[in-house]
Amino acid sequence: MSRARAPAALLTGAAGQLGRALQATAPKTWRVIACDAAALDLTRPEAVEEVVRRERPALIVNAGAYTAVDAAERETERAEAVNSAGAAHVAEAAKLAGARLIHVSTDYVFDGAQARPYGPADRPRPLGVYGRTKLAGEREVTRISGGSALIVRTSWLYSAYGRNFVLTMLRLMRERDTIGVVADQVGSPTWARGLAETIWMAADAPGLKGVHHWADAGVASWFDFAVAIQEEALALKLLPRAVPIRPLRTDEYPTDARRPAYSVLERSAALAGLGVPVRHWREQLRTMLREVTPA
């Protein structure tokens, strides 16, 4: 099927790391209409409705979000406008157009207090504004869609583009003689490309709905992740030298937002059964770093 004749998939947040990965992995069975924040302001319901009415998509993937976790504590209204109200605007437009909706959410809807991986049915208890507004967005999507939308939570997302932990660590490892990284927060690093491939597979499973989790296999602390980034980057000659990495406690690295100490997600069997290979985060990191241009 040519893309010209394929059904339309409207993508929000197209300039973000997941948005770019979704465009890069889009199958020919979908004609992607990619909208960044300039082309589609999620905070304006009339703008969302206008774009959806004009493009008449069969599918909407809402990857647009306010993701600056610490800044959200200061810019609460903005975070709410994008993550909560914006999600509602997309869901309303999807409902009016009869489009299927896939909405992307986060592990930060949990407080990290339990000692086992979080399943979709576990009770959310967000610690900060970012998690709270994303949870509010989930609930709006569920309410407006009548439960027919698919909500995909993921964790510790990174890619070769945008702002993320991997690229920040590479920059700091080039600029500094030593760095300190929090060692008592644990999660599952997830490559945006793998999540994007999963979302496209889910798009072809129309009966899939409700809340589901997707993350790469394995767990790590931010410190573990940083050590792996340096080891893999040195092997690929992305760094000129190794620098000492010091493990820190959360209280030694204060931030505006509280983060869950444990936010490992239990991958939904329904998503894992779609056929996308489940790979360990370290393998995914190694593959992603091959896309990074040496400094």
Protein backbone atom coordinates (compact mmCIF):
# COMPACT_ATOMS: atom_id res chain seq x y z
CA MET A 1 0.00 0.00 0.00
CA SER A 2 1.42 3.40 -0.97
CA ARG A 3 1.56 6.09 1.66
CA ALA A 4 -0.67 8.30 -0.52
CA ARG A 5 -3.48 5.71 -0.27
CA ALA A 6 -2.76 4.66 3.32
CA PRO A 7 -4.96 5.83 6.21
CA ALA A 8 -3.72 8.94 7.98
CA ALA A 9 -2.02 8.85 11.36
CA LEU A 10 -1.80 12.26 13.04
CA LEU A 11 1.22 12.59 15.31
CA THR A 12 1.54 15.27 17.99
CA GLY A 13 4.87 16.16 19.58
CA ALA A 14 6.62 15.44 16.28
CA ALA A 15 9.78 17.38 17.22
CA GLY A 16 10.38 15.41 20.41
CA GLN A 17 12.53 12.32 20.71
CA LEU A 18 9.57 9.94 20.58
CA GLY A 19 7.96 11.95 17.80
CA ARG A 20 11.09 11.70 15.69
CA ALA A 21 11.35 7.97 16.40
CA LEU A 22 7.72 7.47 15.38
CA GLN A 23 8.37 9.20 12.08
CA ALA A 24 11.54 7.18 11.47
CA THR A 25 9.81 3.83 12.10
CA ALA A 26 6.42 4.50 10.51
CA PRO A 27 5.27 1.57 8.34
CA LYS A 28 4.06 2.16 4.80
CA THR A 29 0.58 1.14 5.91
CA TRP A 30 0.20 4.59 7.52
CA ARG A 31 0.46 8.08 6.05
CA VAL A 32 1.99 10.15 8.85
CA ILE A 33 0.93 13.73 9.46
CA ALA A 34 3.58 15.01 11.87
CA CYS A 35 2.73 18.09 13.94
CA ASP A 36 5.12 19.79 16.32
CA ALA A 37 4.03 22.38 18.89
CA ALA A 38 4.20 25.18 16.33
CA ALA A 39 1.88 23.35 13.94
CA LEU A 40 -0.49 22.09 16.61
CA ASP A 41 -0.83 23.87 19.97
CA LEU A 42 -2.38 21.30 22.29
CA THR A 43 -3.46 24.00 24.72
CA ARG A 44 -5.91 25.46 22.17
CA PRO A 45 -8.92 23.18 21.67
CA GLU A 46 -10.05 24.99 18.55
CA ALA A 47 -6.63 24.49 16.96
CA VAL A 48 -6.65 20.79 17.73
CA GLU A 49 -10.17 20.38 16.39
CA GLU A 50 -9.31 22.32 13.22
CA VAL A 51 -6.29 20.16 12.40
CA VAL A 52 -8.13 16.92 13.10
CA ARG A 53 -11.13 18.00 11.03
CA ARG A 54 -8.88 19.01 8.13
CA GLU A 55 -6.66 15.90 8.14
CA ARG A 56 -9.37 13.35 9.03
CA PRO A 57 -6.97 10.84 10.59
CA ALA A 58 -7.92 7.27 11.33
CA LEU A 59 -5.37 7.29 14.17
CA ILE A 60 -3.98 9.94 16.51
CA VAL A 61 -0.79 9.28 18.49
CA ASN A 62 -0.47 11.87 21.23
CA ALA A 63 3.26 12.05 21.94
CA GLY A 64 3.11 15.75 22.78
CA ALA A 65 3.82 16.61 26.41
CA TYR A 66 5.44 19.06 28.81
CA THR A 67 8.31 16.87 30.01
CA ALA A 68 10.57 19.27 31.94
CA VAL A 69 10.13 17.53 35.30
CA ASP A 70 11.78 20.17 37.49
CA ALA A 71 10.52 23.19 35.57
CA ALA A 72 6.97 21.85 35.93
CA GLU A 73 7.16 22.62 39.65
CA ARG A 74 7.51 26.31 38.72
CA GLU A 75 5.41 26.30 35.55
CA THR A 76 2.46 24.38 36.91
CA GLU A 77 -0.14 26.08 34.74
CA ARG A 78 1.81 25.35 31.58
CA ALA A 79 2.29 21.69 32.54
CA GLU A 80 -1.42 21.36 33.26
CA ALA A 81 -2.36 23.08 30.02
CA VAL A 82 -0.31 20.65 27.92
CA ASN A 83 -0.38 17.37 29.86
CA SER A 84 -3.91 17.45 31.24
CA ALA A 85 -6.06 19.89 29.27
CA GLY A 86 -4.09 19.23 26.08
CA ALA A 87 -4.69 15.50 26.36
CA ALA A 88 -8.39 16.21 26.83
CA HIS A 89 -8.47 18.41 23.73
CA VAL A 90 -6.88 15.65 21.65
CA ALA A 91 -9.30 13.07 23.03
CA GLU A 92 -12.31 15.30 22.27
CA ALA A 93 -11.12 15.87 18.70
CA ALA A 94 -10.44 12.16 18.21
CA LYS A 95 -13.92 11.33 19.45
CA LEU A 96 -15.57 13.83 17.11
CA ALA A 97 -13.56 12.49 14.15
CA GLY A 98 -14.04 8.83 15.03
CA ALA A 99 -10.27 8.39 15.20
CA ARG A 100 -8.50 5.85 17.34
CA LEU A 101 -6.29 7.44 20.02
CA ILE A 102 -2.98 6.21 21.41
CA HIS A 103 -1.80 8.39 24.29
CA VAL A 104 1.73 8.22 25.76
CA SER A 105 2.26 8.56 29.51
CA THR A 106 4.95 8.01 32.14
CA ASP A 107 6.24 5.95 35.05
CA TYR A 108 6.23 9.17 37.10
CA VAL A 109 2.55 8.63 37.87
CA PHE A 110 3.87 6.30 40.63
CA ASP A 111 5.53 7.23 43.92
CA GLY A 112 8.15 4.45 43.90
CA ALA A 113 7.19 3.14 47.33
CA GLN A 114 6.54 -0.48 46.36
CA ALA A 115 9.34 -3.00 45.95
CA ARG A 116 8.06 -4.77 42.84
CA PRO A 117 7.50 -3.62 39.26
CA TYR A 118 4.40 -1.50 38.75
CA GLY A 119 1.59 -3.04 36.74
CA PRO A 120 -1.07 -1.04 34.89
CA ALA A 121 -3.61 -1.79 37.64
CA ASP A 122 -1.41 -0.51 40.48
CA ARG A 123 -2.62 2.66 42.12
CA PRO A 124 -0.89 5.81 40.86
CA ARG A 125 0.49 8.24 43.45
CA PRO A 126 2.51 10.93 41.65
CA LEU A 127 5.09 12.86 43.67
CA GLY A 128 5.33 16.00 41.55
CA VAL A 129 3.55 18.26 39.10
CA TYR A 130 4.78 16.42 36.02
CA GLY A 131 3.46 13.06 37.20
CA ARG A 132 0.24 14.59 38.51
CA THR A 133 -0.53 16.37 35.24
CA LYS A 134 0.27 13.30 33.17
CA LEU A 135 -2.04 11.20 35.37
CA ALA A 136 -4.76 13.81 34.98
CA GLY A 137 -4.27 13.58 31.21
CA GLU A 138 -4.64 9.80 31.32
CA ARG A 139 -7.89 10.12 33.22
CA GLU A 140 -9.25 12.71 30.81
CA VAL A 141 -8.40 10.48 27.85
CA THR A 142 -10.10 7.50 29.49
CA ARG A 143 -13.19 9.51 30.40
CA ILE A 144 -13.66 11.17 27.04
CA SER A 145 -12.93 8.04 24.99
CA GLY A 146 -15.13 5.87 27.17
CA GLY A 147 -12.14 3.61 27.76
CA SER A 148 -11.54 2.92 24.07
CA ALA A 149 -8.21 4.78 23.88
CA LEU A 150 -4.88 3.02 24.35
CA ILE A 151 -2.64 4.58 27.01
CA VAL A 152 1.00 3.50 26.94
CA ARG A 153 3.17 4.31 29.95
CA THR A 154 6.92 4.16 29.52
CA SER A 155 10.05 5.03 31.53
CA TRP A 156 13.39 6.80 31.30
CA LEU A 157 13.07 7.52 27.59
CA TYR A 158 16.15 8.49 25.58
CA SER A 159 17.32 8.75 21.96
CA ALA A 160 20.05 10.29 19.82
CA TYR A 161 17.98 13.49 19.59
CA GLY A 162 16.45 16.05 21.89
CA ARG A 163 17.12 16.47 25.60
CA ASN A 164 17.63 13.30 27.59
CA PHE A 165 19.89 11.66 30.16
CA VAL A 166 22.18 9.92 27.67
CA LEU A 167 23.04 13.06 25.71
CA THR A 168 23.42 15.07 28.92
CA MET A 169 25.86 12.50 30.30
CA LEU A 170 27.91 12.50 27.10
CA ARG A 171 28.18 16.28 27.26
CA LEU A 172 29.18 16.31 30.93
CA MET A 173 31.71 13.52 30.42
CA ARG A 174 33.39 15.65 27.74
CA GLU A 175 33.30 18.87 29.77
CA ARG A 176 34.13 17.77 33.32
CA ASP A 177 36.87 15.90 35.12
CA THR A 178 34.40 14.06 37.35
CA ILE A 179 30.63 13.77 37.64
CA GLY A 180 28.19 12.68 40.35
CA VAL A 181 25.03 10.71 39.55
CA VAL A 182 22.16 9.61 41.77
CA ALA A 183 22.43 5.91 42.66
CA ASP A 184 19.28 5.35 44.75
CA GLN A 185 16.62 5.86 42.05
CA VAL A 186 15.91 2.76 39.99
CA GLY A 187 14.01 2.29 36.74
CA SER A 188 14.25 0.85 33.23
CA PRO A 189 15.99 2.95 30.56
CA THR A 190 13.99 2.75 27.33
CA TRP A 191 15.10 3.60 23.80
CA ALA A 192 12.55 5.76 21.98
CA ARG A 193 12.87 3.72 18.79
CA GLY A 194 11.76 0.52 20.52
CA LEU A 195 8.77 2.29 22.02
CA ALA A 196 7.90 3.78 18.63
CA GLU A 197 7.98 0.35 16.99
CA THR A 198 5.69 -0.97 19.72
CA ILE A 199 3.24 1.89 19.21
CA TRP A 200 3.04 1.19 15.48
CA MET A 201 2.40 -2.47 16.14
CA ALA A 202 -0.31 -1.48 18.61
CA ALA A 203 -1.83 0.76 15.96
CA ASP A 204 -2.54 -2.36 13.92
CA ALA A 205 -4.23 -4.06 16.89
CA PRO A 206 -7.55 -2.18 17.05
CA GLY A 207 -8.87 -4.15 20.00
CA LEU A 208 -6.02 -3.04 22.25
CA LYS A 209 -7.23 -0.41 24.71
CA GLY A 210 -6.88 0.76 28.29
CA VAL A 211 -3.62 1.34 30.19
CA HIS A 212 -0.52 -0.68 29.26
CA HIS A 213 3.19 -0.51 30.11
CA TRP A 214 6.23 -0.73 27.84
CA ALA A 215 9.90 -0.48 28.83
CA ASP A 216 13.10 -2.17 27.80
CA ALA A 217 14.18 -5.21 29.80
CA GLY A 218 16.34 -4.95 32.89
CA VAL A 219 16.69 -2.36 35.64
CA ALA A 220 19.31 0.22 36.54
CA SER A 221 19.94 3.19 38.77
CA TRP A 222 20.82 6.49 37.16
CA PHE A 223 24.39 5.78 38.33
CA ASP A 224 24.37 2.35 36.64
CA PHE A 225 23.01 3.97 33.49
CA ALA A 226 25.74 6.63 33.50
CA VAL A 227 28.49 4.03 33.95
CA ALA A 228 27.12 2.02 31.04
CA ILE A 229 26.87 5.14 28.87
CA GLN A 230 30.54 5.91 29.46
CA GLU A 231 31.68 2.32 28.84
CA GLU A 232 29.72 1.99 25.60
CA ALA A 233 30.68 5.49 24.41
CA LEU A 234 34.38 4.84 25.01
CA ALA A 235 34.15 1.61 23.00
CA LEU A 236 32.63 3.58 20.12
CA LYS A 237 35.19 6.40 20.49
CA LEU A 238 32.50 8.95 21.30
CA LEU A 239 34.49 10.14 24.32
CA PRO A 240 38.19 11.11 24.46
CA ARG A 241 38.74 9.67 27.94
CA ALA A 242 37.06 8.13 30.96
CA VAL A 243 36.10 10.31 33.91
CA PRO A 244 35.35 9.18 37.47
CA ILE A 245 31.61 8.82 38.19
CA ARG A 246 30.60 9.20 41.83
CA PRO A 247 27.40 7.59 43.17
CA LEU A 248 25.20 10.10 45.01
CA ARG A 249 22.21 9.81 47.30
CA THR A 250 19.11 11.67 46.26
CA ASP A 251 19.53 14.06 49.18
CA GLU A 252 23.01 14.94 47.90
CA TYR A 253 21.55 16.08 44.58
CA PRO A 254 18.51 18.23 45.40
CA THR A 255 16.06 19.00 42.61
CA ASP A 256 12.84 21.00 42.43
CA ALA A 257 10.77 17.87 41.78
CA ARG A 258 10.67 14.70 43.84
CA ARG A 259 11.25 11.57 41.79
CA PRO A 260 10.19 7.99 42.56
CA ALA A 261 12.95 5.87 44.09
CA TYR A 262 11.67 2.83 42.19
CA SER A 263 9.67 3.15 38.99
CA VAL A 264 10.26 -0.13 37.19
CA LEU A 265 7.26 -0.95 35.00
CA GLU A 266 5.87 -4.44 34.52
CA ARG A 267 5.63 -4.75 30.74
CA SER A 268 2.09 -5.51 29.61
CA ALA A 269 1.74 -8.97 28.09
CA ALA A 270 -0.53 -7.55 25.41
CA LEU A 271 2.18 -5.16 24.18
CA ALA A 272 4.95 -7.75 24.51
CA GLY A 273 2.83 -10.13 22.46
CA LEU A 274 2.66 -7.78 19.47
CA GLY A 275 5.92 -9.11 18.08
CA VAL A 276 8.37 -6.31 18.88
CA PRO A 277 11.54 -7.89 20.31
CA VAL A 278 11.99 -7.23 24.03
CA ARG A 279 15.64 -6.27 24.42
CA HIS A 280 17.77 -5.42 27.44
CA TRP A 281 18.33 -1.70 27.98
CA ARG A 282 22.12 -2.12 27.69
CA GLU A 283 21.79 -3.65 24.22
CA GLN A 284 19.43 -0.87 23.19
CA LEU A 285 21.82 1.76 24.53
CA ARG A 286 24.69 0.29 22.50
CA THR A 287 22.59 0.37 19.32
CA MET A 288 21.39 3.93 19.97
CA LEU A 289 24.92 5.25 20.58
CA ARG A 290 25.93 4.17 17.08
CA GLU A 291 23.64 6.98 15.86
CA VAL A 292 25.50 9.64 17.83
CA THR A 293 28.01 11.78 15.97
CA PRO A 294 31.43 11.89 17.67
CA ALA A 295 32.26 15.26 19.21
